[in-house]
Amino acid sequence: MPIKYDKLIAKMKEHGLTSYRIKKDKIIGQATWKKIQEGGDIDTRTIAKLCKVLDCQPGDLIEYVDEQEEST
């Protein structure tokens, strides 16, 4: 997958945003959280919601990595 969520996961930890709080406060759905953990696709509405909660820009959360360069 060319989109990496490592920065998002680190930012969530930095802000104390746990999977429990995500579920309790209905920030994003459990299926979406699982996709993030597994490197799946999420939509821009989810990214926008996370940017609002974490007070940041999309580039602070996700990173594009060329899969061809990564495998060489």
PDB file of N, CA and C in Angstrom:
ATOM      1  N   MET A   1       0.827  -1.186   0.000  1.00  0.00           N
ATOM      2  CA  MET A   1       0.000   0.000   0.000  1.00  0.00           C
ATOM      3  C   MET A   1       0.873   1.251   0.000  1.00  0.00           C
ATOM      4  N   PRO A   2       0.662   2.169  -0.925  1.00  0.00           N
ATOM      5  CA  PRO A   2       1.537   3.339  -1.010  1.00  0.00           C
ATOM      6  C   PRO A   2       1.285   4.412   0.052  1.00  0.00           C
ATOM      7  N   ILE A   3       0.154   4.375   0.746  1.00  0.00           N
ATOM      8  CA  ILE A   3      -0.126   5.357   1.795  1.00  0.00           C
ATOM      9  C   ILE A   3       0.198   4.733   3.146  1.00  0.00           C
ATOM     10  N   LYS A   4       1.035   5.417   3.905  1.00  0.00           N
ATOM     11  CA  LYS A   4       1.449   4.942   5.229  1.00  0.00           C
ATOM     12  C   LYS A   4       0.815   5.814   6.300  1.00  0.00           C
ATOM     13  N   TYR A   5       0.377   5.185   7.386  1.00  0.00           N
ATOM     14  CA  TYR A   5      -0.296   5.890   8.477  1.00  0.00           C
ATOM     15  C   TYR A   5       0.563   5.955   9.737  1.00  0.00           C
ATOM     16  N   ASP A   6       1.845   5.722   9.627  1.00  0.00           N
ATOM     17  CA  ASP A   6       2.731   5.740  10.798  1.00  0.00           C
ATOM     18  C   ASP A   6       2.690   7.086  11.514  1.00  0.00           C
ATOM     19  N   LYS A   7       2.668   8.170  10.733  1.00  0.00           N
ATOM     20  CA  LYS A   7       2.631   9.505  11.327  1.00  0.00           C
ATOM     21  C   LYS A   7       1.322   9.727  12.081  1.00  0.00           C
ATOM     22  N   LEU A   8       0.227   9.216  11.539  1.00  0.00           N
ATOM     23  CA  LEU A   8      -1.073   9.336  12.195  1.00  0.00           C
ATOM     24  C   LEU A   8      -1.080   8.603  13.532  1.00  0.00           C
ATOM     25  N   ILE A   9      -0.606   7.386  13.527  1.00  0.00           N
ATOM     26  CA  ILE A   9      -0.591   6.583  14.751  1.00  0.00           C
ATOM     27  C   ILE A   9       0.287   7.246  15.808  1.00  0.00           C
ATOM     28  N   ALA A  10       1.425   7.783  15.396  1.00  0.00           N
ATOM     29  CA  ALA A  10       2.311   8.476  16.345  1.00  0.00           C
ATOM     30  C   ALA A  10       1.643   9.731  16.896  1.00  0.00           C
ATOM     31  N   LYS A  11       0.951  10.480  16.034  1.00  0.00           N
ATOM     32  CA  LYS A  11       0.281  11.707  16.469  1.00  0.00           C
ATOM     33  C   LYS A  11      -0.858  11.384  17.434  1.00  0.00           C
ATOM     34  N   MET A  12      -1.561  10.293  17.177  1.00  0.00           N
ATOM     35  CA  MET A  12      -2.649   9.877  18.071  1.00  0.00           C
ATOM     36  C   MET A  12      -2.089   9.536  19.454  1.00  0.00           C
ATOM     37  N   LYS A  13      -0.986   8.820  19.485  1.00  0.00           N
ATOM     38  CA  LYS A  13      -0.347   8.493  20.769  1.00  0.00           C
ATOM     39  C   LYS A  13       0.098   9.757  21.484  1.00  0.00           C
ATOM     40  N   GLU A  14       0.668  10.675  20.729  1.00  0.00           N
ATOM     41  CA  GLU A  14       1.146  11.945  21.279  1.00  0.00           C
ATOM     42  C   GLU A  14       0.008  12.734  21.947  1.00  0.00           C
ATOM     43  N   HIS A  15      -1.189  12.641  21.357  1.00  0.00           N
ATOM     44  CA  HIS A  15      -2.359  13.357  21.877  1.00  0.00           C
ATOM     45  C   HIS A  15      -3.196  12.503  22.841  1.00  0.00           C
ATOM     46  N   GLY A  16      -2.731  11.300  23.153  1.00  0.00           N
ATOM     47  CA  GLY A  16      -3.462  10.430  24.076  1.00  0.00           C
ATOM     48  C   GLY A  16      -4.762   9.904  23.507  1.00  0.00           C
ATOM     49  N   LEU A  17      -4.841   9.801  22.188  1.00  0.00           N
ATOM     50  CA  LEU A  17      -6.049   9.313  21.526  1.00  0.00           C
ATOM     51  C   LEU A  17      -5.957   7.796  21.390  1.00  0.00           C
ATOM     52  N   THR A  18      -6.631   7.093  22.271  1.00  0.00           N
ATOM     53  CA  THR A  18      -6.583   5.633  22.313  1.00  0.00           C
ATOM     54  C   THR A  18      -7.738   5.031  21.516  1.00  0.00           C
ATOM     55  N   SER A  19      -7.656   3.734  21.257  1.00  0.00           N
ATOM     56  CA  SER A  19      -8.749   3.057  20.557  1.00  0.00           C
ATOM     57  C   SER A  19     -10.031   3.116  21.391  1.00  0.00           C
ATOM     58  N   TYR A  20      -9.885   3.113  22.714  1.00  0.00           N
ATOM     59  CA  TYR A  20     -11.060   3.232  23.591  1.00  0.00           C
ATOM     60  C   TYR A  20     -11.735   4.594  23.393  1.00  0.00           C
ATOM     61  N   ARG A  21     -10.944   5.662  23.371  1.00  0.00           N
ATOM     62  CA  ARG A  21     -11.518   7.003  23.201  1.00  0.00           C
ATOM     63  C   ARG A  21     -12.120   7.162  21.806  1.00  0.00           C
ATOM     64  N   ILE A  22     -11.470   6.583  20.803  1.00  0.00           N
ATOM     65  CA  ILE A  22     -11.994   6.646  19.434  1.00  0.00           C
ATOM     66  C   ILE A  22     -13.403   6.056  19.400  1.00  0.00           C
ATOM     67  N   LYS A  23     -13.568   4.919  20.069  1.00  0.00           N
ATOM     68  CA  LYS A  23     -14.869   4.251  20.093  1.00  0.00           C
ATOM     69  C   LYS A  23     -15.857   5.024  20.972  1.00  0.00           C
ATOM     70  N   LYS A  24     -15.439   5.409  22.167  1.00  0.00           N
ATOM     71  CA  LYS A  24     -16.307   6.090  23.125  1.00  0.00           C
ATOM     72  C   LYS A  24     -16.818   7.421  22.569  1.00  0.00           C
ATOM     73  N   ASP A  25     -15.933   8.211  21.988  1.00  0.00           N
ATOM     74  CA  ASP A  25     -16.295   9.529  21.466  1.00  0.00           C
ATOM     75  C   ASP A  25     -16.790   9.492  20.024  1.00  0.00           C
ATOM     76  N   LYS A  26     -16.859   8.296  19.439  1.00  0.00           N
ATOM     77  CA  LYS A  26     -17.342   8.100  18.057  1.00  0.00           C
ATOM     78  C   LYS A  26     -16.597   8.995  17.070  1.00  0.00           C
ATOM     79  N   ILE A  27     -15.275   9.025  17.221  1.00  0.00           N
ATOM     80  CA  ILE A  27     -14.442   9.835  16.332  1.00  0.00           C
ATOM     81  C   ILE A  27     -14.385   9.203  14.951  1.00  0.00           C
ATOM     82  N   ILE A  28     -14.055   7.930  14.891  1.00  0.00           N
ATOM     83  CA  ILE A  28     -14.112   7.144  13.654  1.00  0.00           C
ATOM     84  C   ILE A  28     -14.625   5.759  14.024  1.00  0.00           C
ATOM     85  N   GLY A  29     -15.121   5.029  13.051  1.00  0.00           N
ATOM     86  CA  GLY A  29     -15.632   3.696  13.296  1.00  0.00           C
ATOM     87  C   GLY A  29     -14.528   2.681  13.541  1.00  0.00           C
ATOM     88  N   GLN A  30     -14.895   1.599  14.179  1.00  0.00           N
ATOM     89  CA  GLN A  30     -13.930   0.535  14.479  1.00  0.00           C
ATOM     90  C   GLN A  30     -13.349  -0.071  13.202  1.00  0.00           C
ATOM     91  N   ALA A  31     -14.179  -0.203  12.166  1.00  0.00           N
ATOM     92  CA  ALA A  31     -13.692  -0.759  10.901  1.00  0.00           C
ATOM     93  C   ALA A  31     -12.637   0.160  10.279  1.00  0.00           C
ATOM     94  N   THR A  32     -12.870   1.460  10.374  1.00  0.00           N
ATOM     95  CA  THR A  32     -11.906   2.430   9.849  1.00  0.00           C
ATOM     96  C   THR A  32     -10.616   2.387  10.649  1.00  0.00           C
ATOM     97  N   TRP A  33     -10.721   2.279  11.970  1.00  0.00           N
ATOM     98  CA  TRP A  33      -9.536   2.182  12.823  1.00  0.00           C
ATOM     99  C   TRP A  33      -8.718   0.949  12.451  1.00  0.00           C
ATOM    100  N   LYS A  34      -9.412  -0.154  12.183  1.00  0.00           N
ATOM    101  CA  LYS A  34      -8.728  -1.389  11.789  1.00  0.00           C
ATOM    102  C   LYS A  34      -8.005  -1.200  10.448  1.00  0.00           C
ATOM    103  N   LYS A  35      -8.653  -0.509   9.506  1.00  0.00           N
ATOM    104  CA  LYS A  35      -8.016  -0.234   8.212  1.00  0.00           C
ATOM    105  C   LYS A  35      -6.736   0.579   8.393  1.00  0.00           C
ATOM    106  N   ILE A  36      -6.781   1.557   9.290  1.00  0.00           N
ATOM    107  CA  ILE A  36      -5.601   2.378   9.550  1.00  0.00           C
ATOM    108  C   ILE A  36      -4.471   1.502  10.099  1.00  0.00           C
ATOM    109  N   GLN A  37      -4.791   0.653  11.050  1.00  0.00           N
ATOM    110  CA  GLN A  37      -3.781  -0.218  11.646  1.00  0.00           C
ATOM    111  C   GLN A  37      -3.191  -1.191  10.640  1.00  0.00           C
ATOM    112  N   GLU A  38      -4.009  -1.626   9.685  1.00  0.00           N
ATOM    113  CA  GLU A  38      -3.561  -2.610   8.694  1.00  0.00           C
ATOM    114  C   GLU A  38      -3.050  -1.969   7.405  1.00  0.00           C
ATOM    115  N   GLY A  39      -3.095  -0.639   7.322  1.00  0.00           N
ATOM    116  CA  GLY A  39      -2.607   0.046   6.127  1.00  0.00           C
ATOM    117  C   GLY A  39      -3.582   0.039   4.977  1.00  0.00           C
ATOM    118  N   GLY A  40      -4.869  -0.054   5.265  1.00  0.00           N
ATOM    119  CA  GLY A  40      -5.889  -0.065   4.214  1.00  0.00           C
ATOM    120  C   GLY A  40      -6.270   1.337   3.772  1.00  0.00           C
ATOM    121  N   ASP A  41      -7.267   1.407   2.897  1.00  0.00           N
ATOM    122  CA  ASP A  41      -7.727   2.693   2.369  1.00  0.00           C
ATOM    123  C   ASP A  41      -8.749   3.327   3.309  1.00  0.00           C
ATOM    124  N   ILE A  42      -8.594   4.623   3.545  1.00  0.00           N
ATOM    125  CA  ILE A  42      -9.601   5.386   4.274  1.00  0.00           C
ATOM    126  C   ILE A  42      -9.968   6.593   3.425  1.00  0.00           C
ATOM    127  N   ASP A  43     -11.157   7.159   3.654  1.00  0.00           N
ATOM    128  CA  ASP A  43     -11.580   8.270   2.803  1.00  0.00           C
ATOM    129  C   ASP A  43     -11.190   9.625   3.384  1.00  0.00           C
ATOM    130  N   THR A  44     -11.367  10.652   2.570  1.00  0.00           N
ATOM    131  CA  THR A  44     -10.954  11.991   2.968  1.00  0.00           C
ATOM    132  C   THR A  44     -11.800  12.545   4.108  1.00  0.00           C
ATOM    133  N   ARG A  45     -13.037  12.095   4.257  1.00  0.00           N
ATOM    134  CA  ARG A  45     -13.856  12.546   5.392  1.00  0.00           C
ATOM    135  C   ARG A  45     -13.224  12.103   6.705  1.00  0.00           C
ATOM    136  N   THR A  46     -12.691  10.890   6.725  1.00  0.00           N
ATOM    137  CA  THR A  46     -12.014  10.378   7.915  1.00  0.00           C
ATOM    138  C   THR A  46     -10.754  11.183   8.199  1.00  0.00           C
ATOM    139  N   ILE A  47      -9.987  11.460   7.167  1.00  0.00           N
ATOM    140  CA  ILE A  47      -8.769  12.257   7.334  1.00  0.00           C
ATOM    141  C   ILE A  47      -9.128  13.645   7.858  1.00  0.00           C
ATOM    142  N   ALA A  48     -10.188  14.252   7.310  1.00  0.00           N
ATOM    143  CA  ALA A  48     -10.617  15.574   7.762  1.00  0.00           C
ATOM    144  C   ALA A  48     -11.028  15.547   9.233  1.00  0.00           C
ATOM    145  N   LYS A  49     -11.750  14.511   9.630  1.00  0.00           N
ATOM    146  CA  LYS A  49     -12.194  14.391  11.020  1.00  0.00           C
ATOM    147  C   LYS A  49     -10.998  14.247  11.962  1.00  0.00           C
ATOM    148  N   LEU A  50     -10.028  13.441  11.561  1.00  0.00           N
ATOM    149  CA  LEU A  50      -8.831  13.250  12.378  1.00  0.00           C
ATOM    150  C   LEU A  50      -7.998  14.530  12.438  1.00  0.00           C
ATOM    151  N   CYS A  51      -7.936  15.270  11.336  1.00  0.00           N
ATOM    152  CA  CYS A  51      -7.211  16.544  11.331  1.00  0.00           C
ATOM    153  C   CYS A  51      -7.851  17.519  12.314  1.00  0.00           C
ATOM    154  N   LYS A  52      -9.183  17.529  12.364  1.00  0.00           N
ATOM    155  CA  LYS A  52      -9.880  18.421  13.293  1.00  0.00           C
ATOM    156  C   LYS A  52      -9.581  18.032  14.745  1.00  0.00           C
ATOM    157  N   VAL A  53      -9.681  16.743  15.041  1.00  0.00           N
ATOM    158  CA  VAL A  53      -9.454  16.258  16.400  1.00  0.00           C
ATOM    159  C   VAL A  53      -8.008  16.488  16.833  1.00  0.00           C
ATOM    160  N   LEU A  54      -7.068  16.263  15.918  1.00  0.00           N
ATOM    161  CA  LEU A  54      -5.652  16.363  16.251  1.00  0.00           C
ATOM    162  C   LEU A  54      -5.053  17.744  15.943  1.00  0.00           C
ATOM    163  N   ASP A  55      -5.880  18.659  15.398  1.00  0.00           N
ATOM    164  CA  ASP A  55      -5.460  20.018  15.072  1.00  0.00           C
ATOM    165  C   ASP A  55      -4.208  20.009  14.202  1.00  0.00           C
ATOM    166  N   CYS A  56      -4.343  19.403  13.012  1.00  0.00           N
ATOM    167  CA  CYS A  56      -3.192  19.294  12.108  1.00  0.00           C
ATOM    168  C   CYS A  56      -3.659  19.271  10.662  1.00  0.00           C
ATOM    169  N   GLN A  57      -2.730  19.111   9.755  1.00  0.00           N
ATOM    170  CA  GLN A  57      -2.994  19.027   8.325  1.00  0.00           C
ATOM    171  C   GLN A  57      -2.833  17.579   7.854  1.00  0.00           C
ATOM    172  N   PRO A  58      -3.455  17.193   6.714  1.00  0.00           N
ATOM    173  CA  PRO A  58      -3.351  15.818   6.226  1.00  0.00           C
ATOM    174  C   PRO A  58      -1.908  15.315   6.087  1.00  0.00           C
ATOM    175  N   GLY A  59      -1.009  16.171   5.667  1.00  0.00           N
ATOM    176  CA  GLY A  59       0.393  15.779   5.513  1.00  0.00           C
ATOM    177  C   GLY A  59       1.060  15.412   6.833  1.00  0.00           C
ATOM    178  N   ASP A  60       0.453  15.853   7.941  1.00  0.00           N
ATOM    179  CA  ASP A  60       0.965  15.501   9.254  1.00  0.00           C
ATOM    180  C   ASP A  60       0.555  14.087   9.655  1.00  0.00           C
ATOM    181  N   LEU A  61      -0.396  13.504   8.897  1.00  0.00           N
ATOM    182  CA  LEU A  61      -0.967  12.205   9.259  1.00  0.00           C
ATOM    183  C   LEU A  61      -0.602  11.070   8.314  1.00  0.00           C
ATOM    184  N   ILE A  62      -0.483  11.396   7.041  1.00  0.00           N
ATOM    185  CA  ILE A  62      -0.257  10.335   6.052  1.00  0.00           C
ATOM    186  C   ILE A  62       0.970  10.650   5.208  1.00  0.00           C
ATOM    187  N   GLU A  63       1.514   9.597   4.628  1.00  0.00           N
ATOM    188  CA  GLU A  63       2.707   9.739   3.797  1.00  0.00           C
ATOM    189  C   GLU A  63       2.595   8.795   2.608  1.00  0.00           C
ATOM    190  N   TYR A  64       2.918   9.307   1.418  1.00  0.00           N
ATOM    191  CA  TYR A  64       2.956   8.476   0.221  1.00  0.00           C
ATOM    192  C   TYR A  64       4.351   7.887   0.075  1.00  0.00           C
ATOM    193  N   VAL A  65       4.411   6.582  -0.112  1.00  0.00           N
ATOM    194  CA  VAL A  65       5.682   5.893  -0.322  1.00  0.00           C
ATOM    195  C   VAL A  65       5.560   5.079  -1.608  1.00  0.00           C
ATOM    196  N   ASP A  66       6.426   5.376  -2.574  1.00  0.00           N
ATOM    197  CA  ASP A  66       6.410   4.658  -3.836  1.00  0.00           C
ATOM    198  C   ASP A  66       6.782   3.199  -3.586  1.00  0.00           C
ATOM    199  N   GLU A  67       5.868   2.295  -3.909  1.00  0.00           N
ATOM    200  CA  GLU A  67       6.089   0.871  -3.635  1.00  0.00           C
ATOM    201  C   GLU A  67       7.261   0.316  -4.432  1.00  0.00           C
ATOM    202  N   GLN A  68       7.496   0.827  -5.643  1.00  0.00           N
ATOM    203  CA  GLN A  68       8.606   0.353  -6.452  1.00  0.00           C
ATOM    204  C   GLN A  68       9.936   0.725  -5.827  1.00  0.00           C
ATOM    205  N   GLU A  69      10.048   1.943  -5.337  1.00  0.00           N
ATOM    206  CA  GLU A  69      11.281   2.374  -4.685  1.00  0.00           C
ATOM    207  C   GLU A  69      11.508   1.628  -3.373  1.00  0.00           C
ATOM    208  N   GLU A  70      10.394   1.342  -2.671  1.00  0.00           N
ATOM    209  CA  GLU A  70      10.490   0.660  -1.387  1.00  0.00           C
ATOM    210  C   GLU A  70      11.010  -0.777  -1.541  1.00  0.00           C
ATOM    211  N   SER A  71      10.695  -1.418  -2.667  1.00  0.00           N
ATOM    212  CA  SER A  71      11.087  -2.826  -2.852  1.00  0.00           C
ATOM    213  C   SER A  71      12.495  -2.978  -3.419  1.00  0.00           C
ATOM    214  N   THR A  72      13.132  -1.868  -3.831  1.00  0.00           N
ATOM    215  CA  THR A  72      14.486  -1.984  -4.384  1.00  0.00           C
ATOM    216  C   THR A  72      15.549  -1.821  -3.346  1.00  0.00           C
TER     217      THR A  72
END
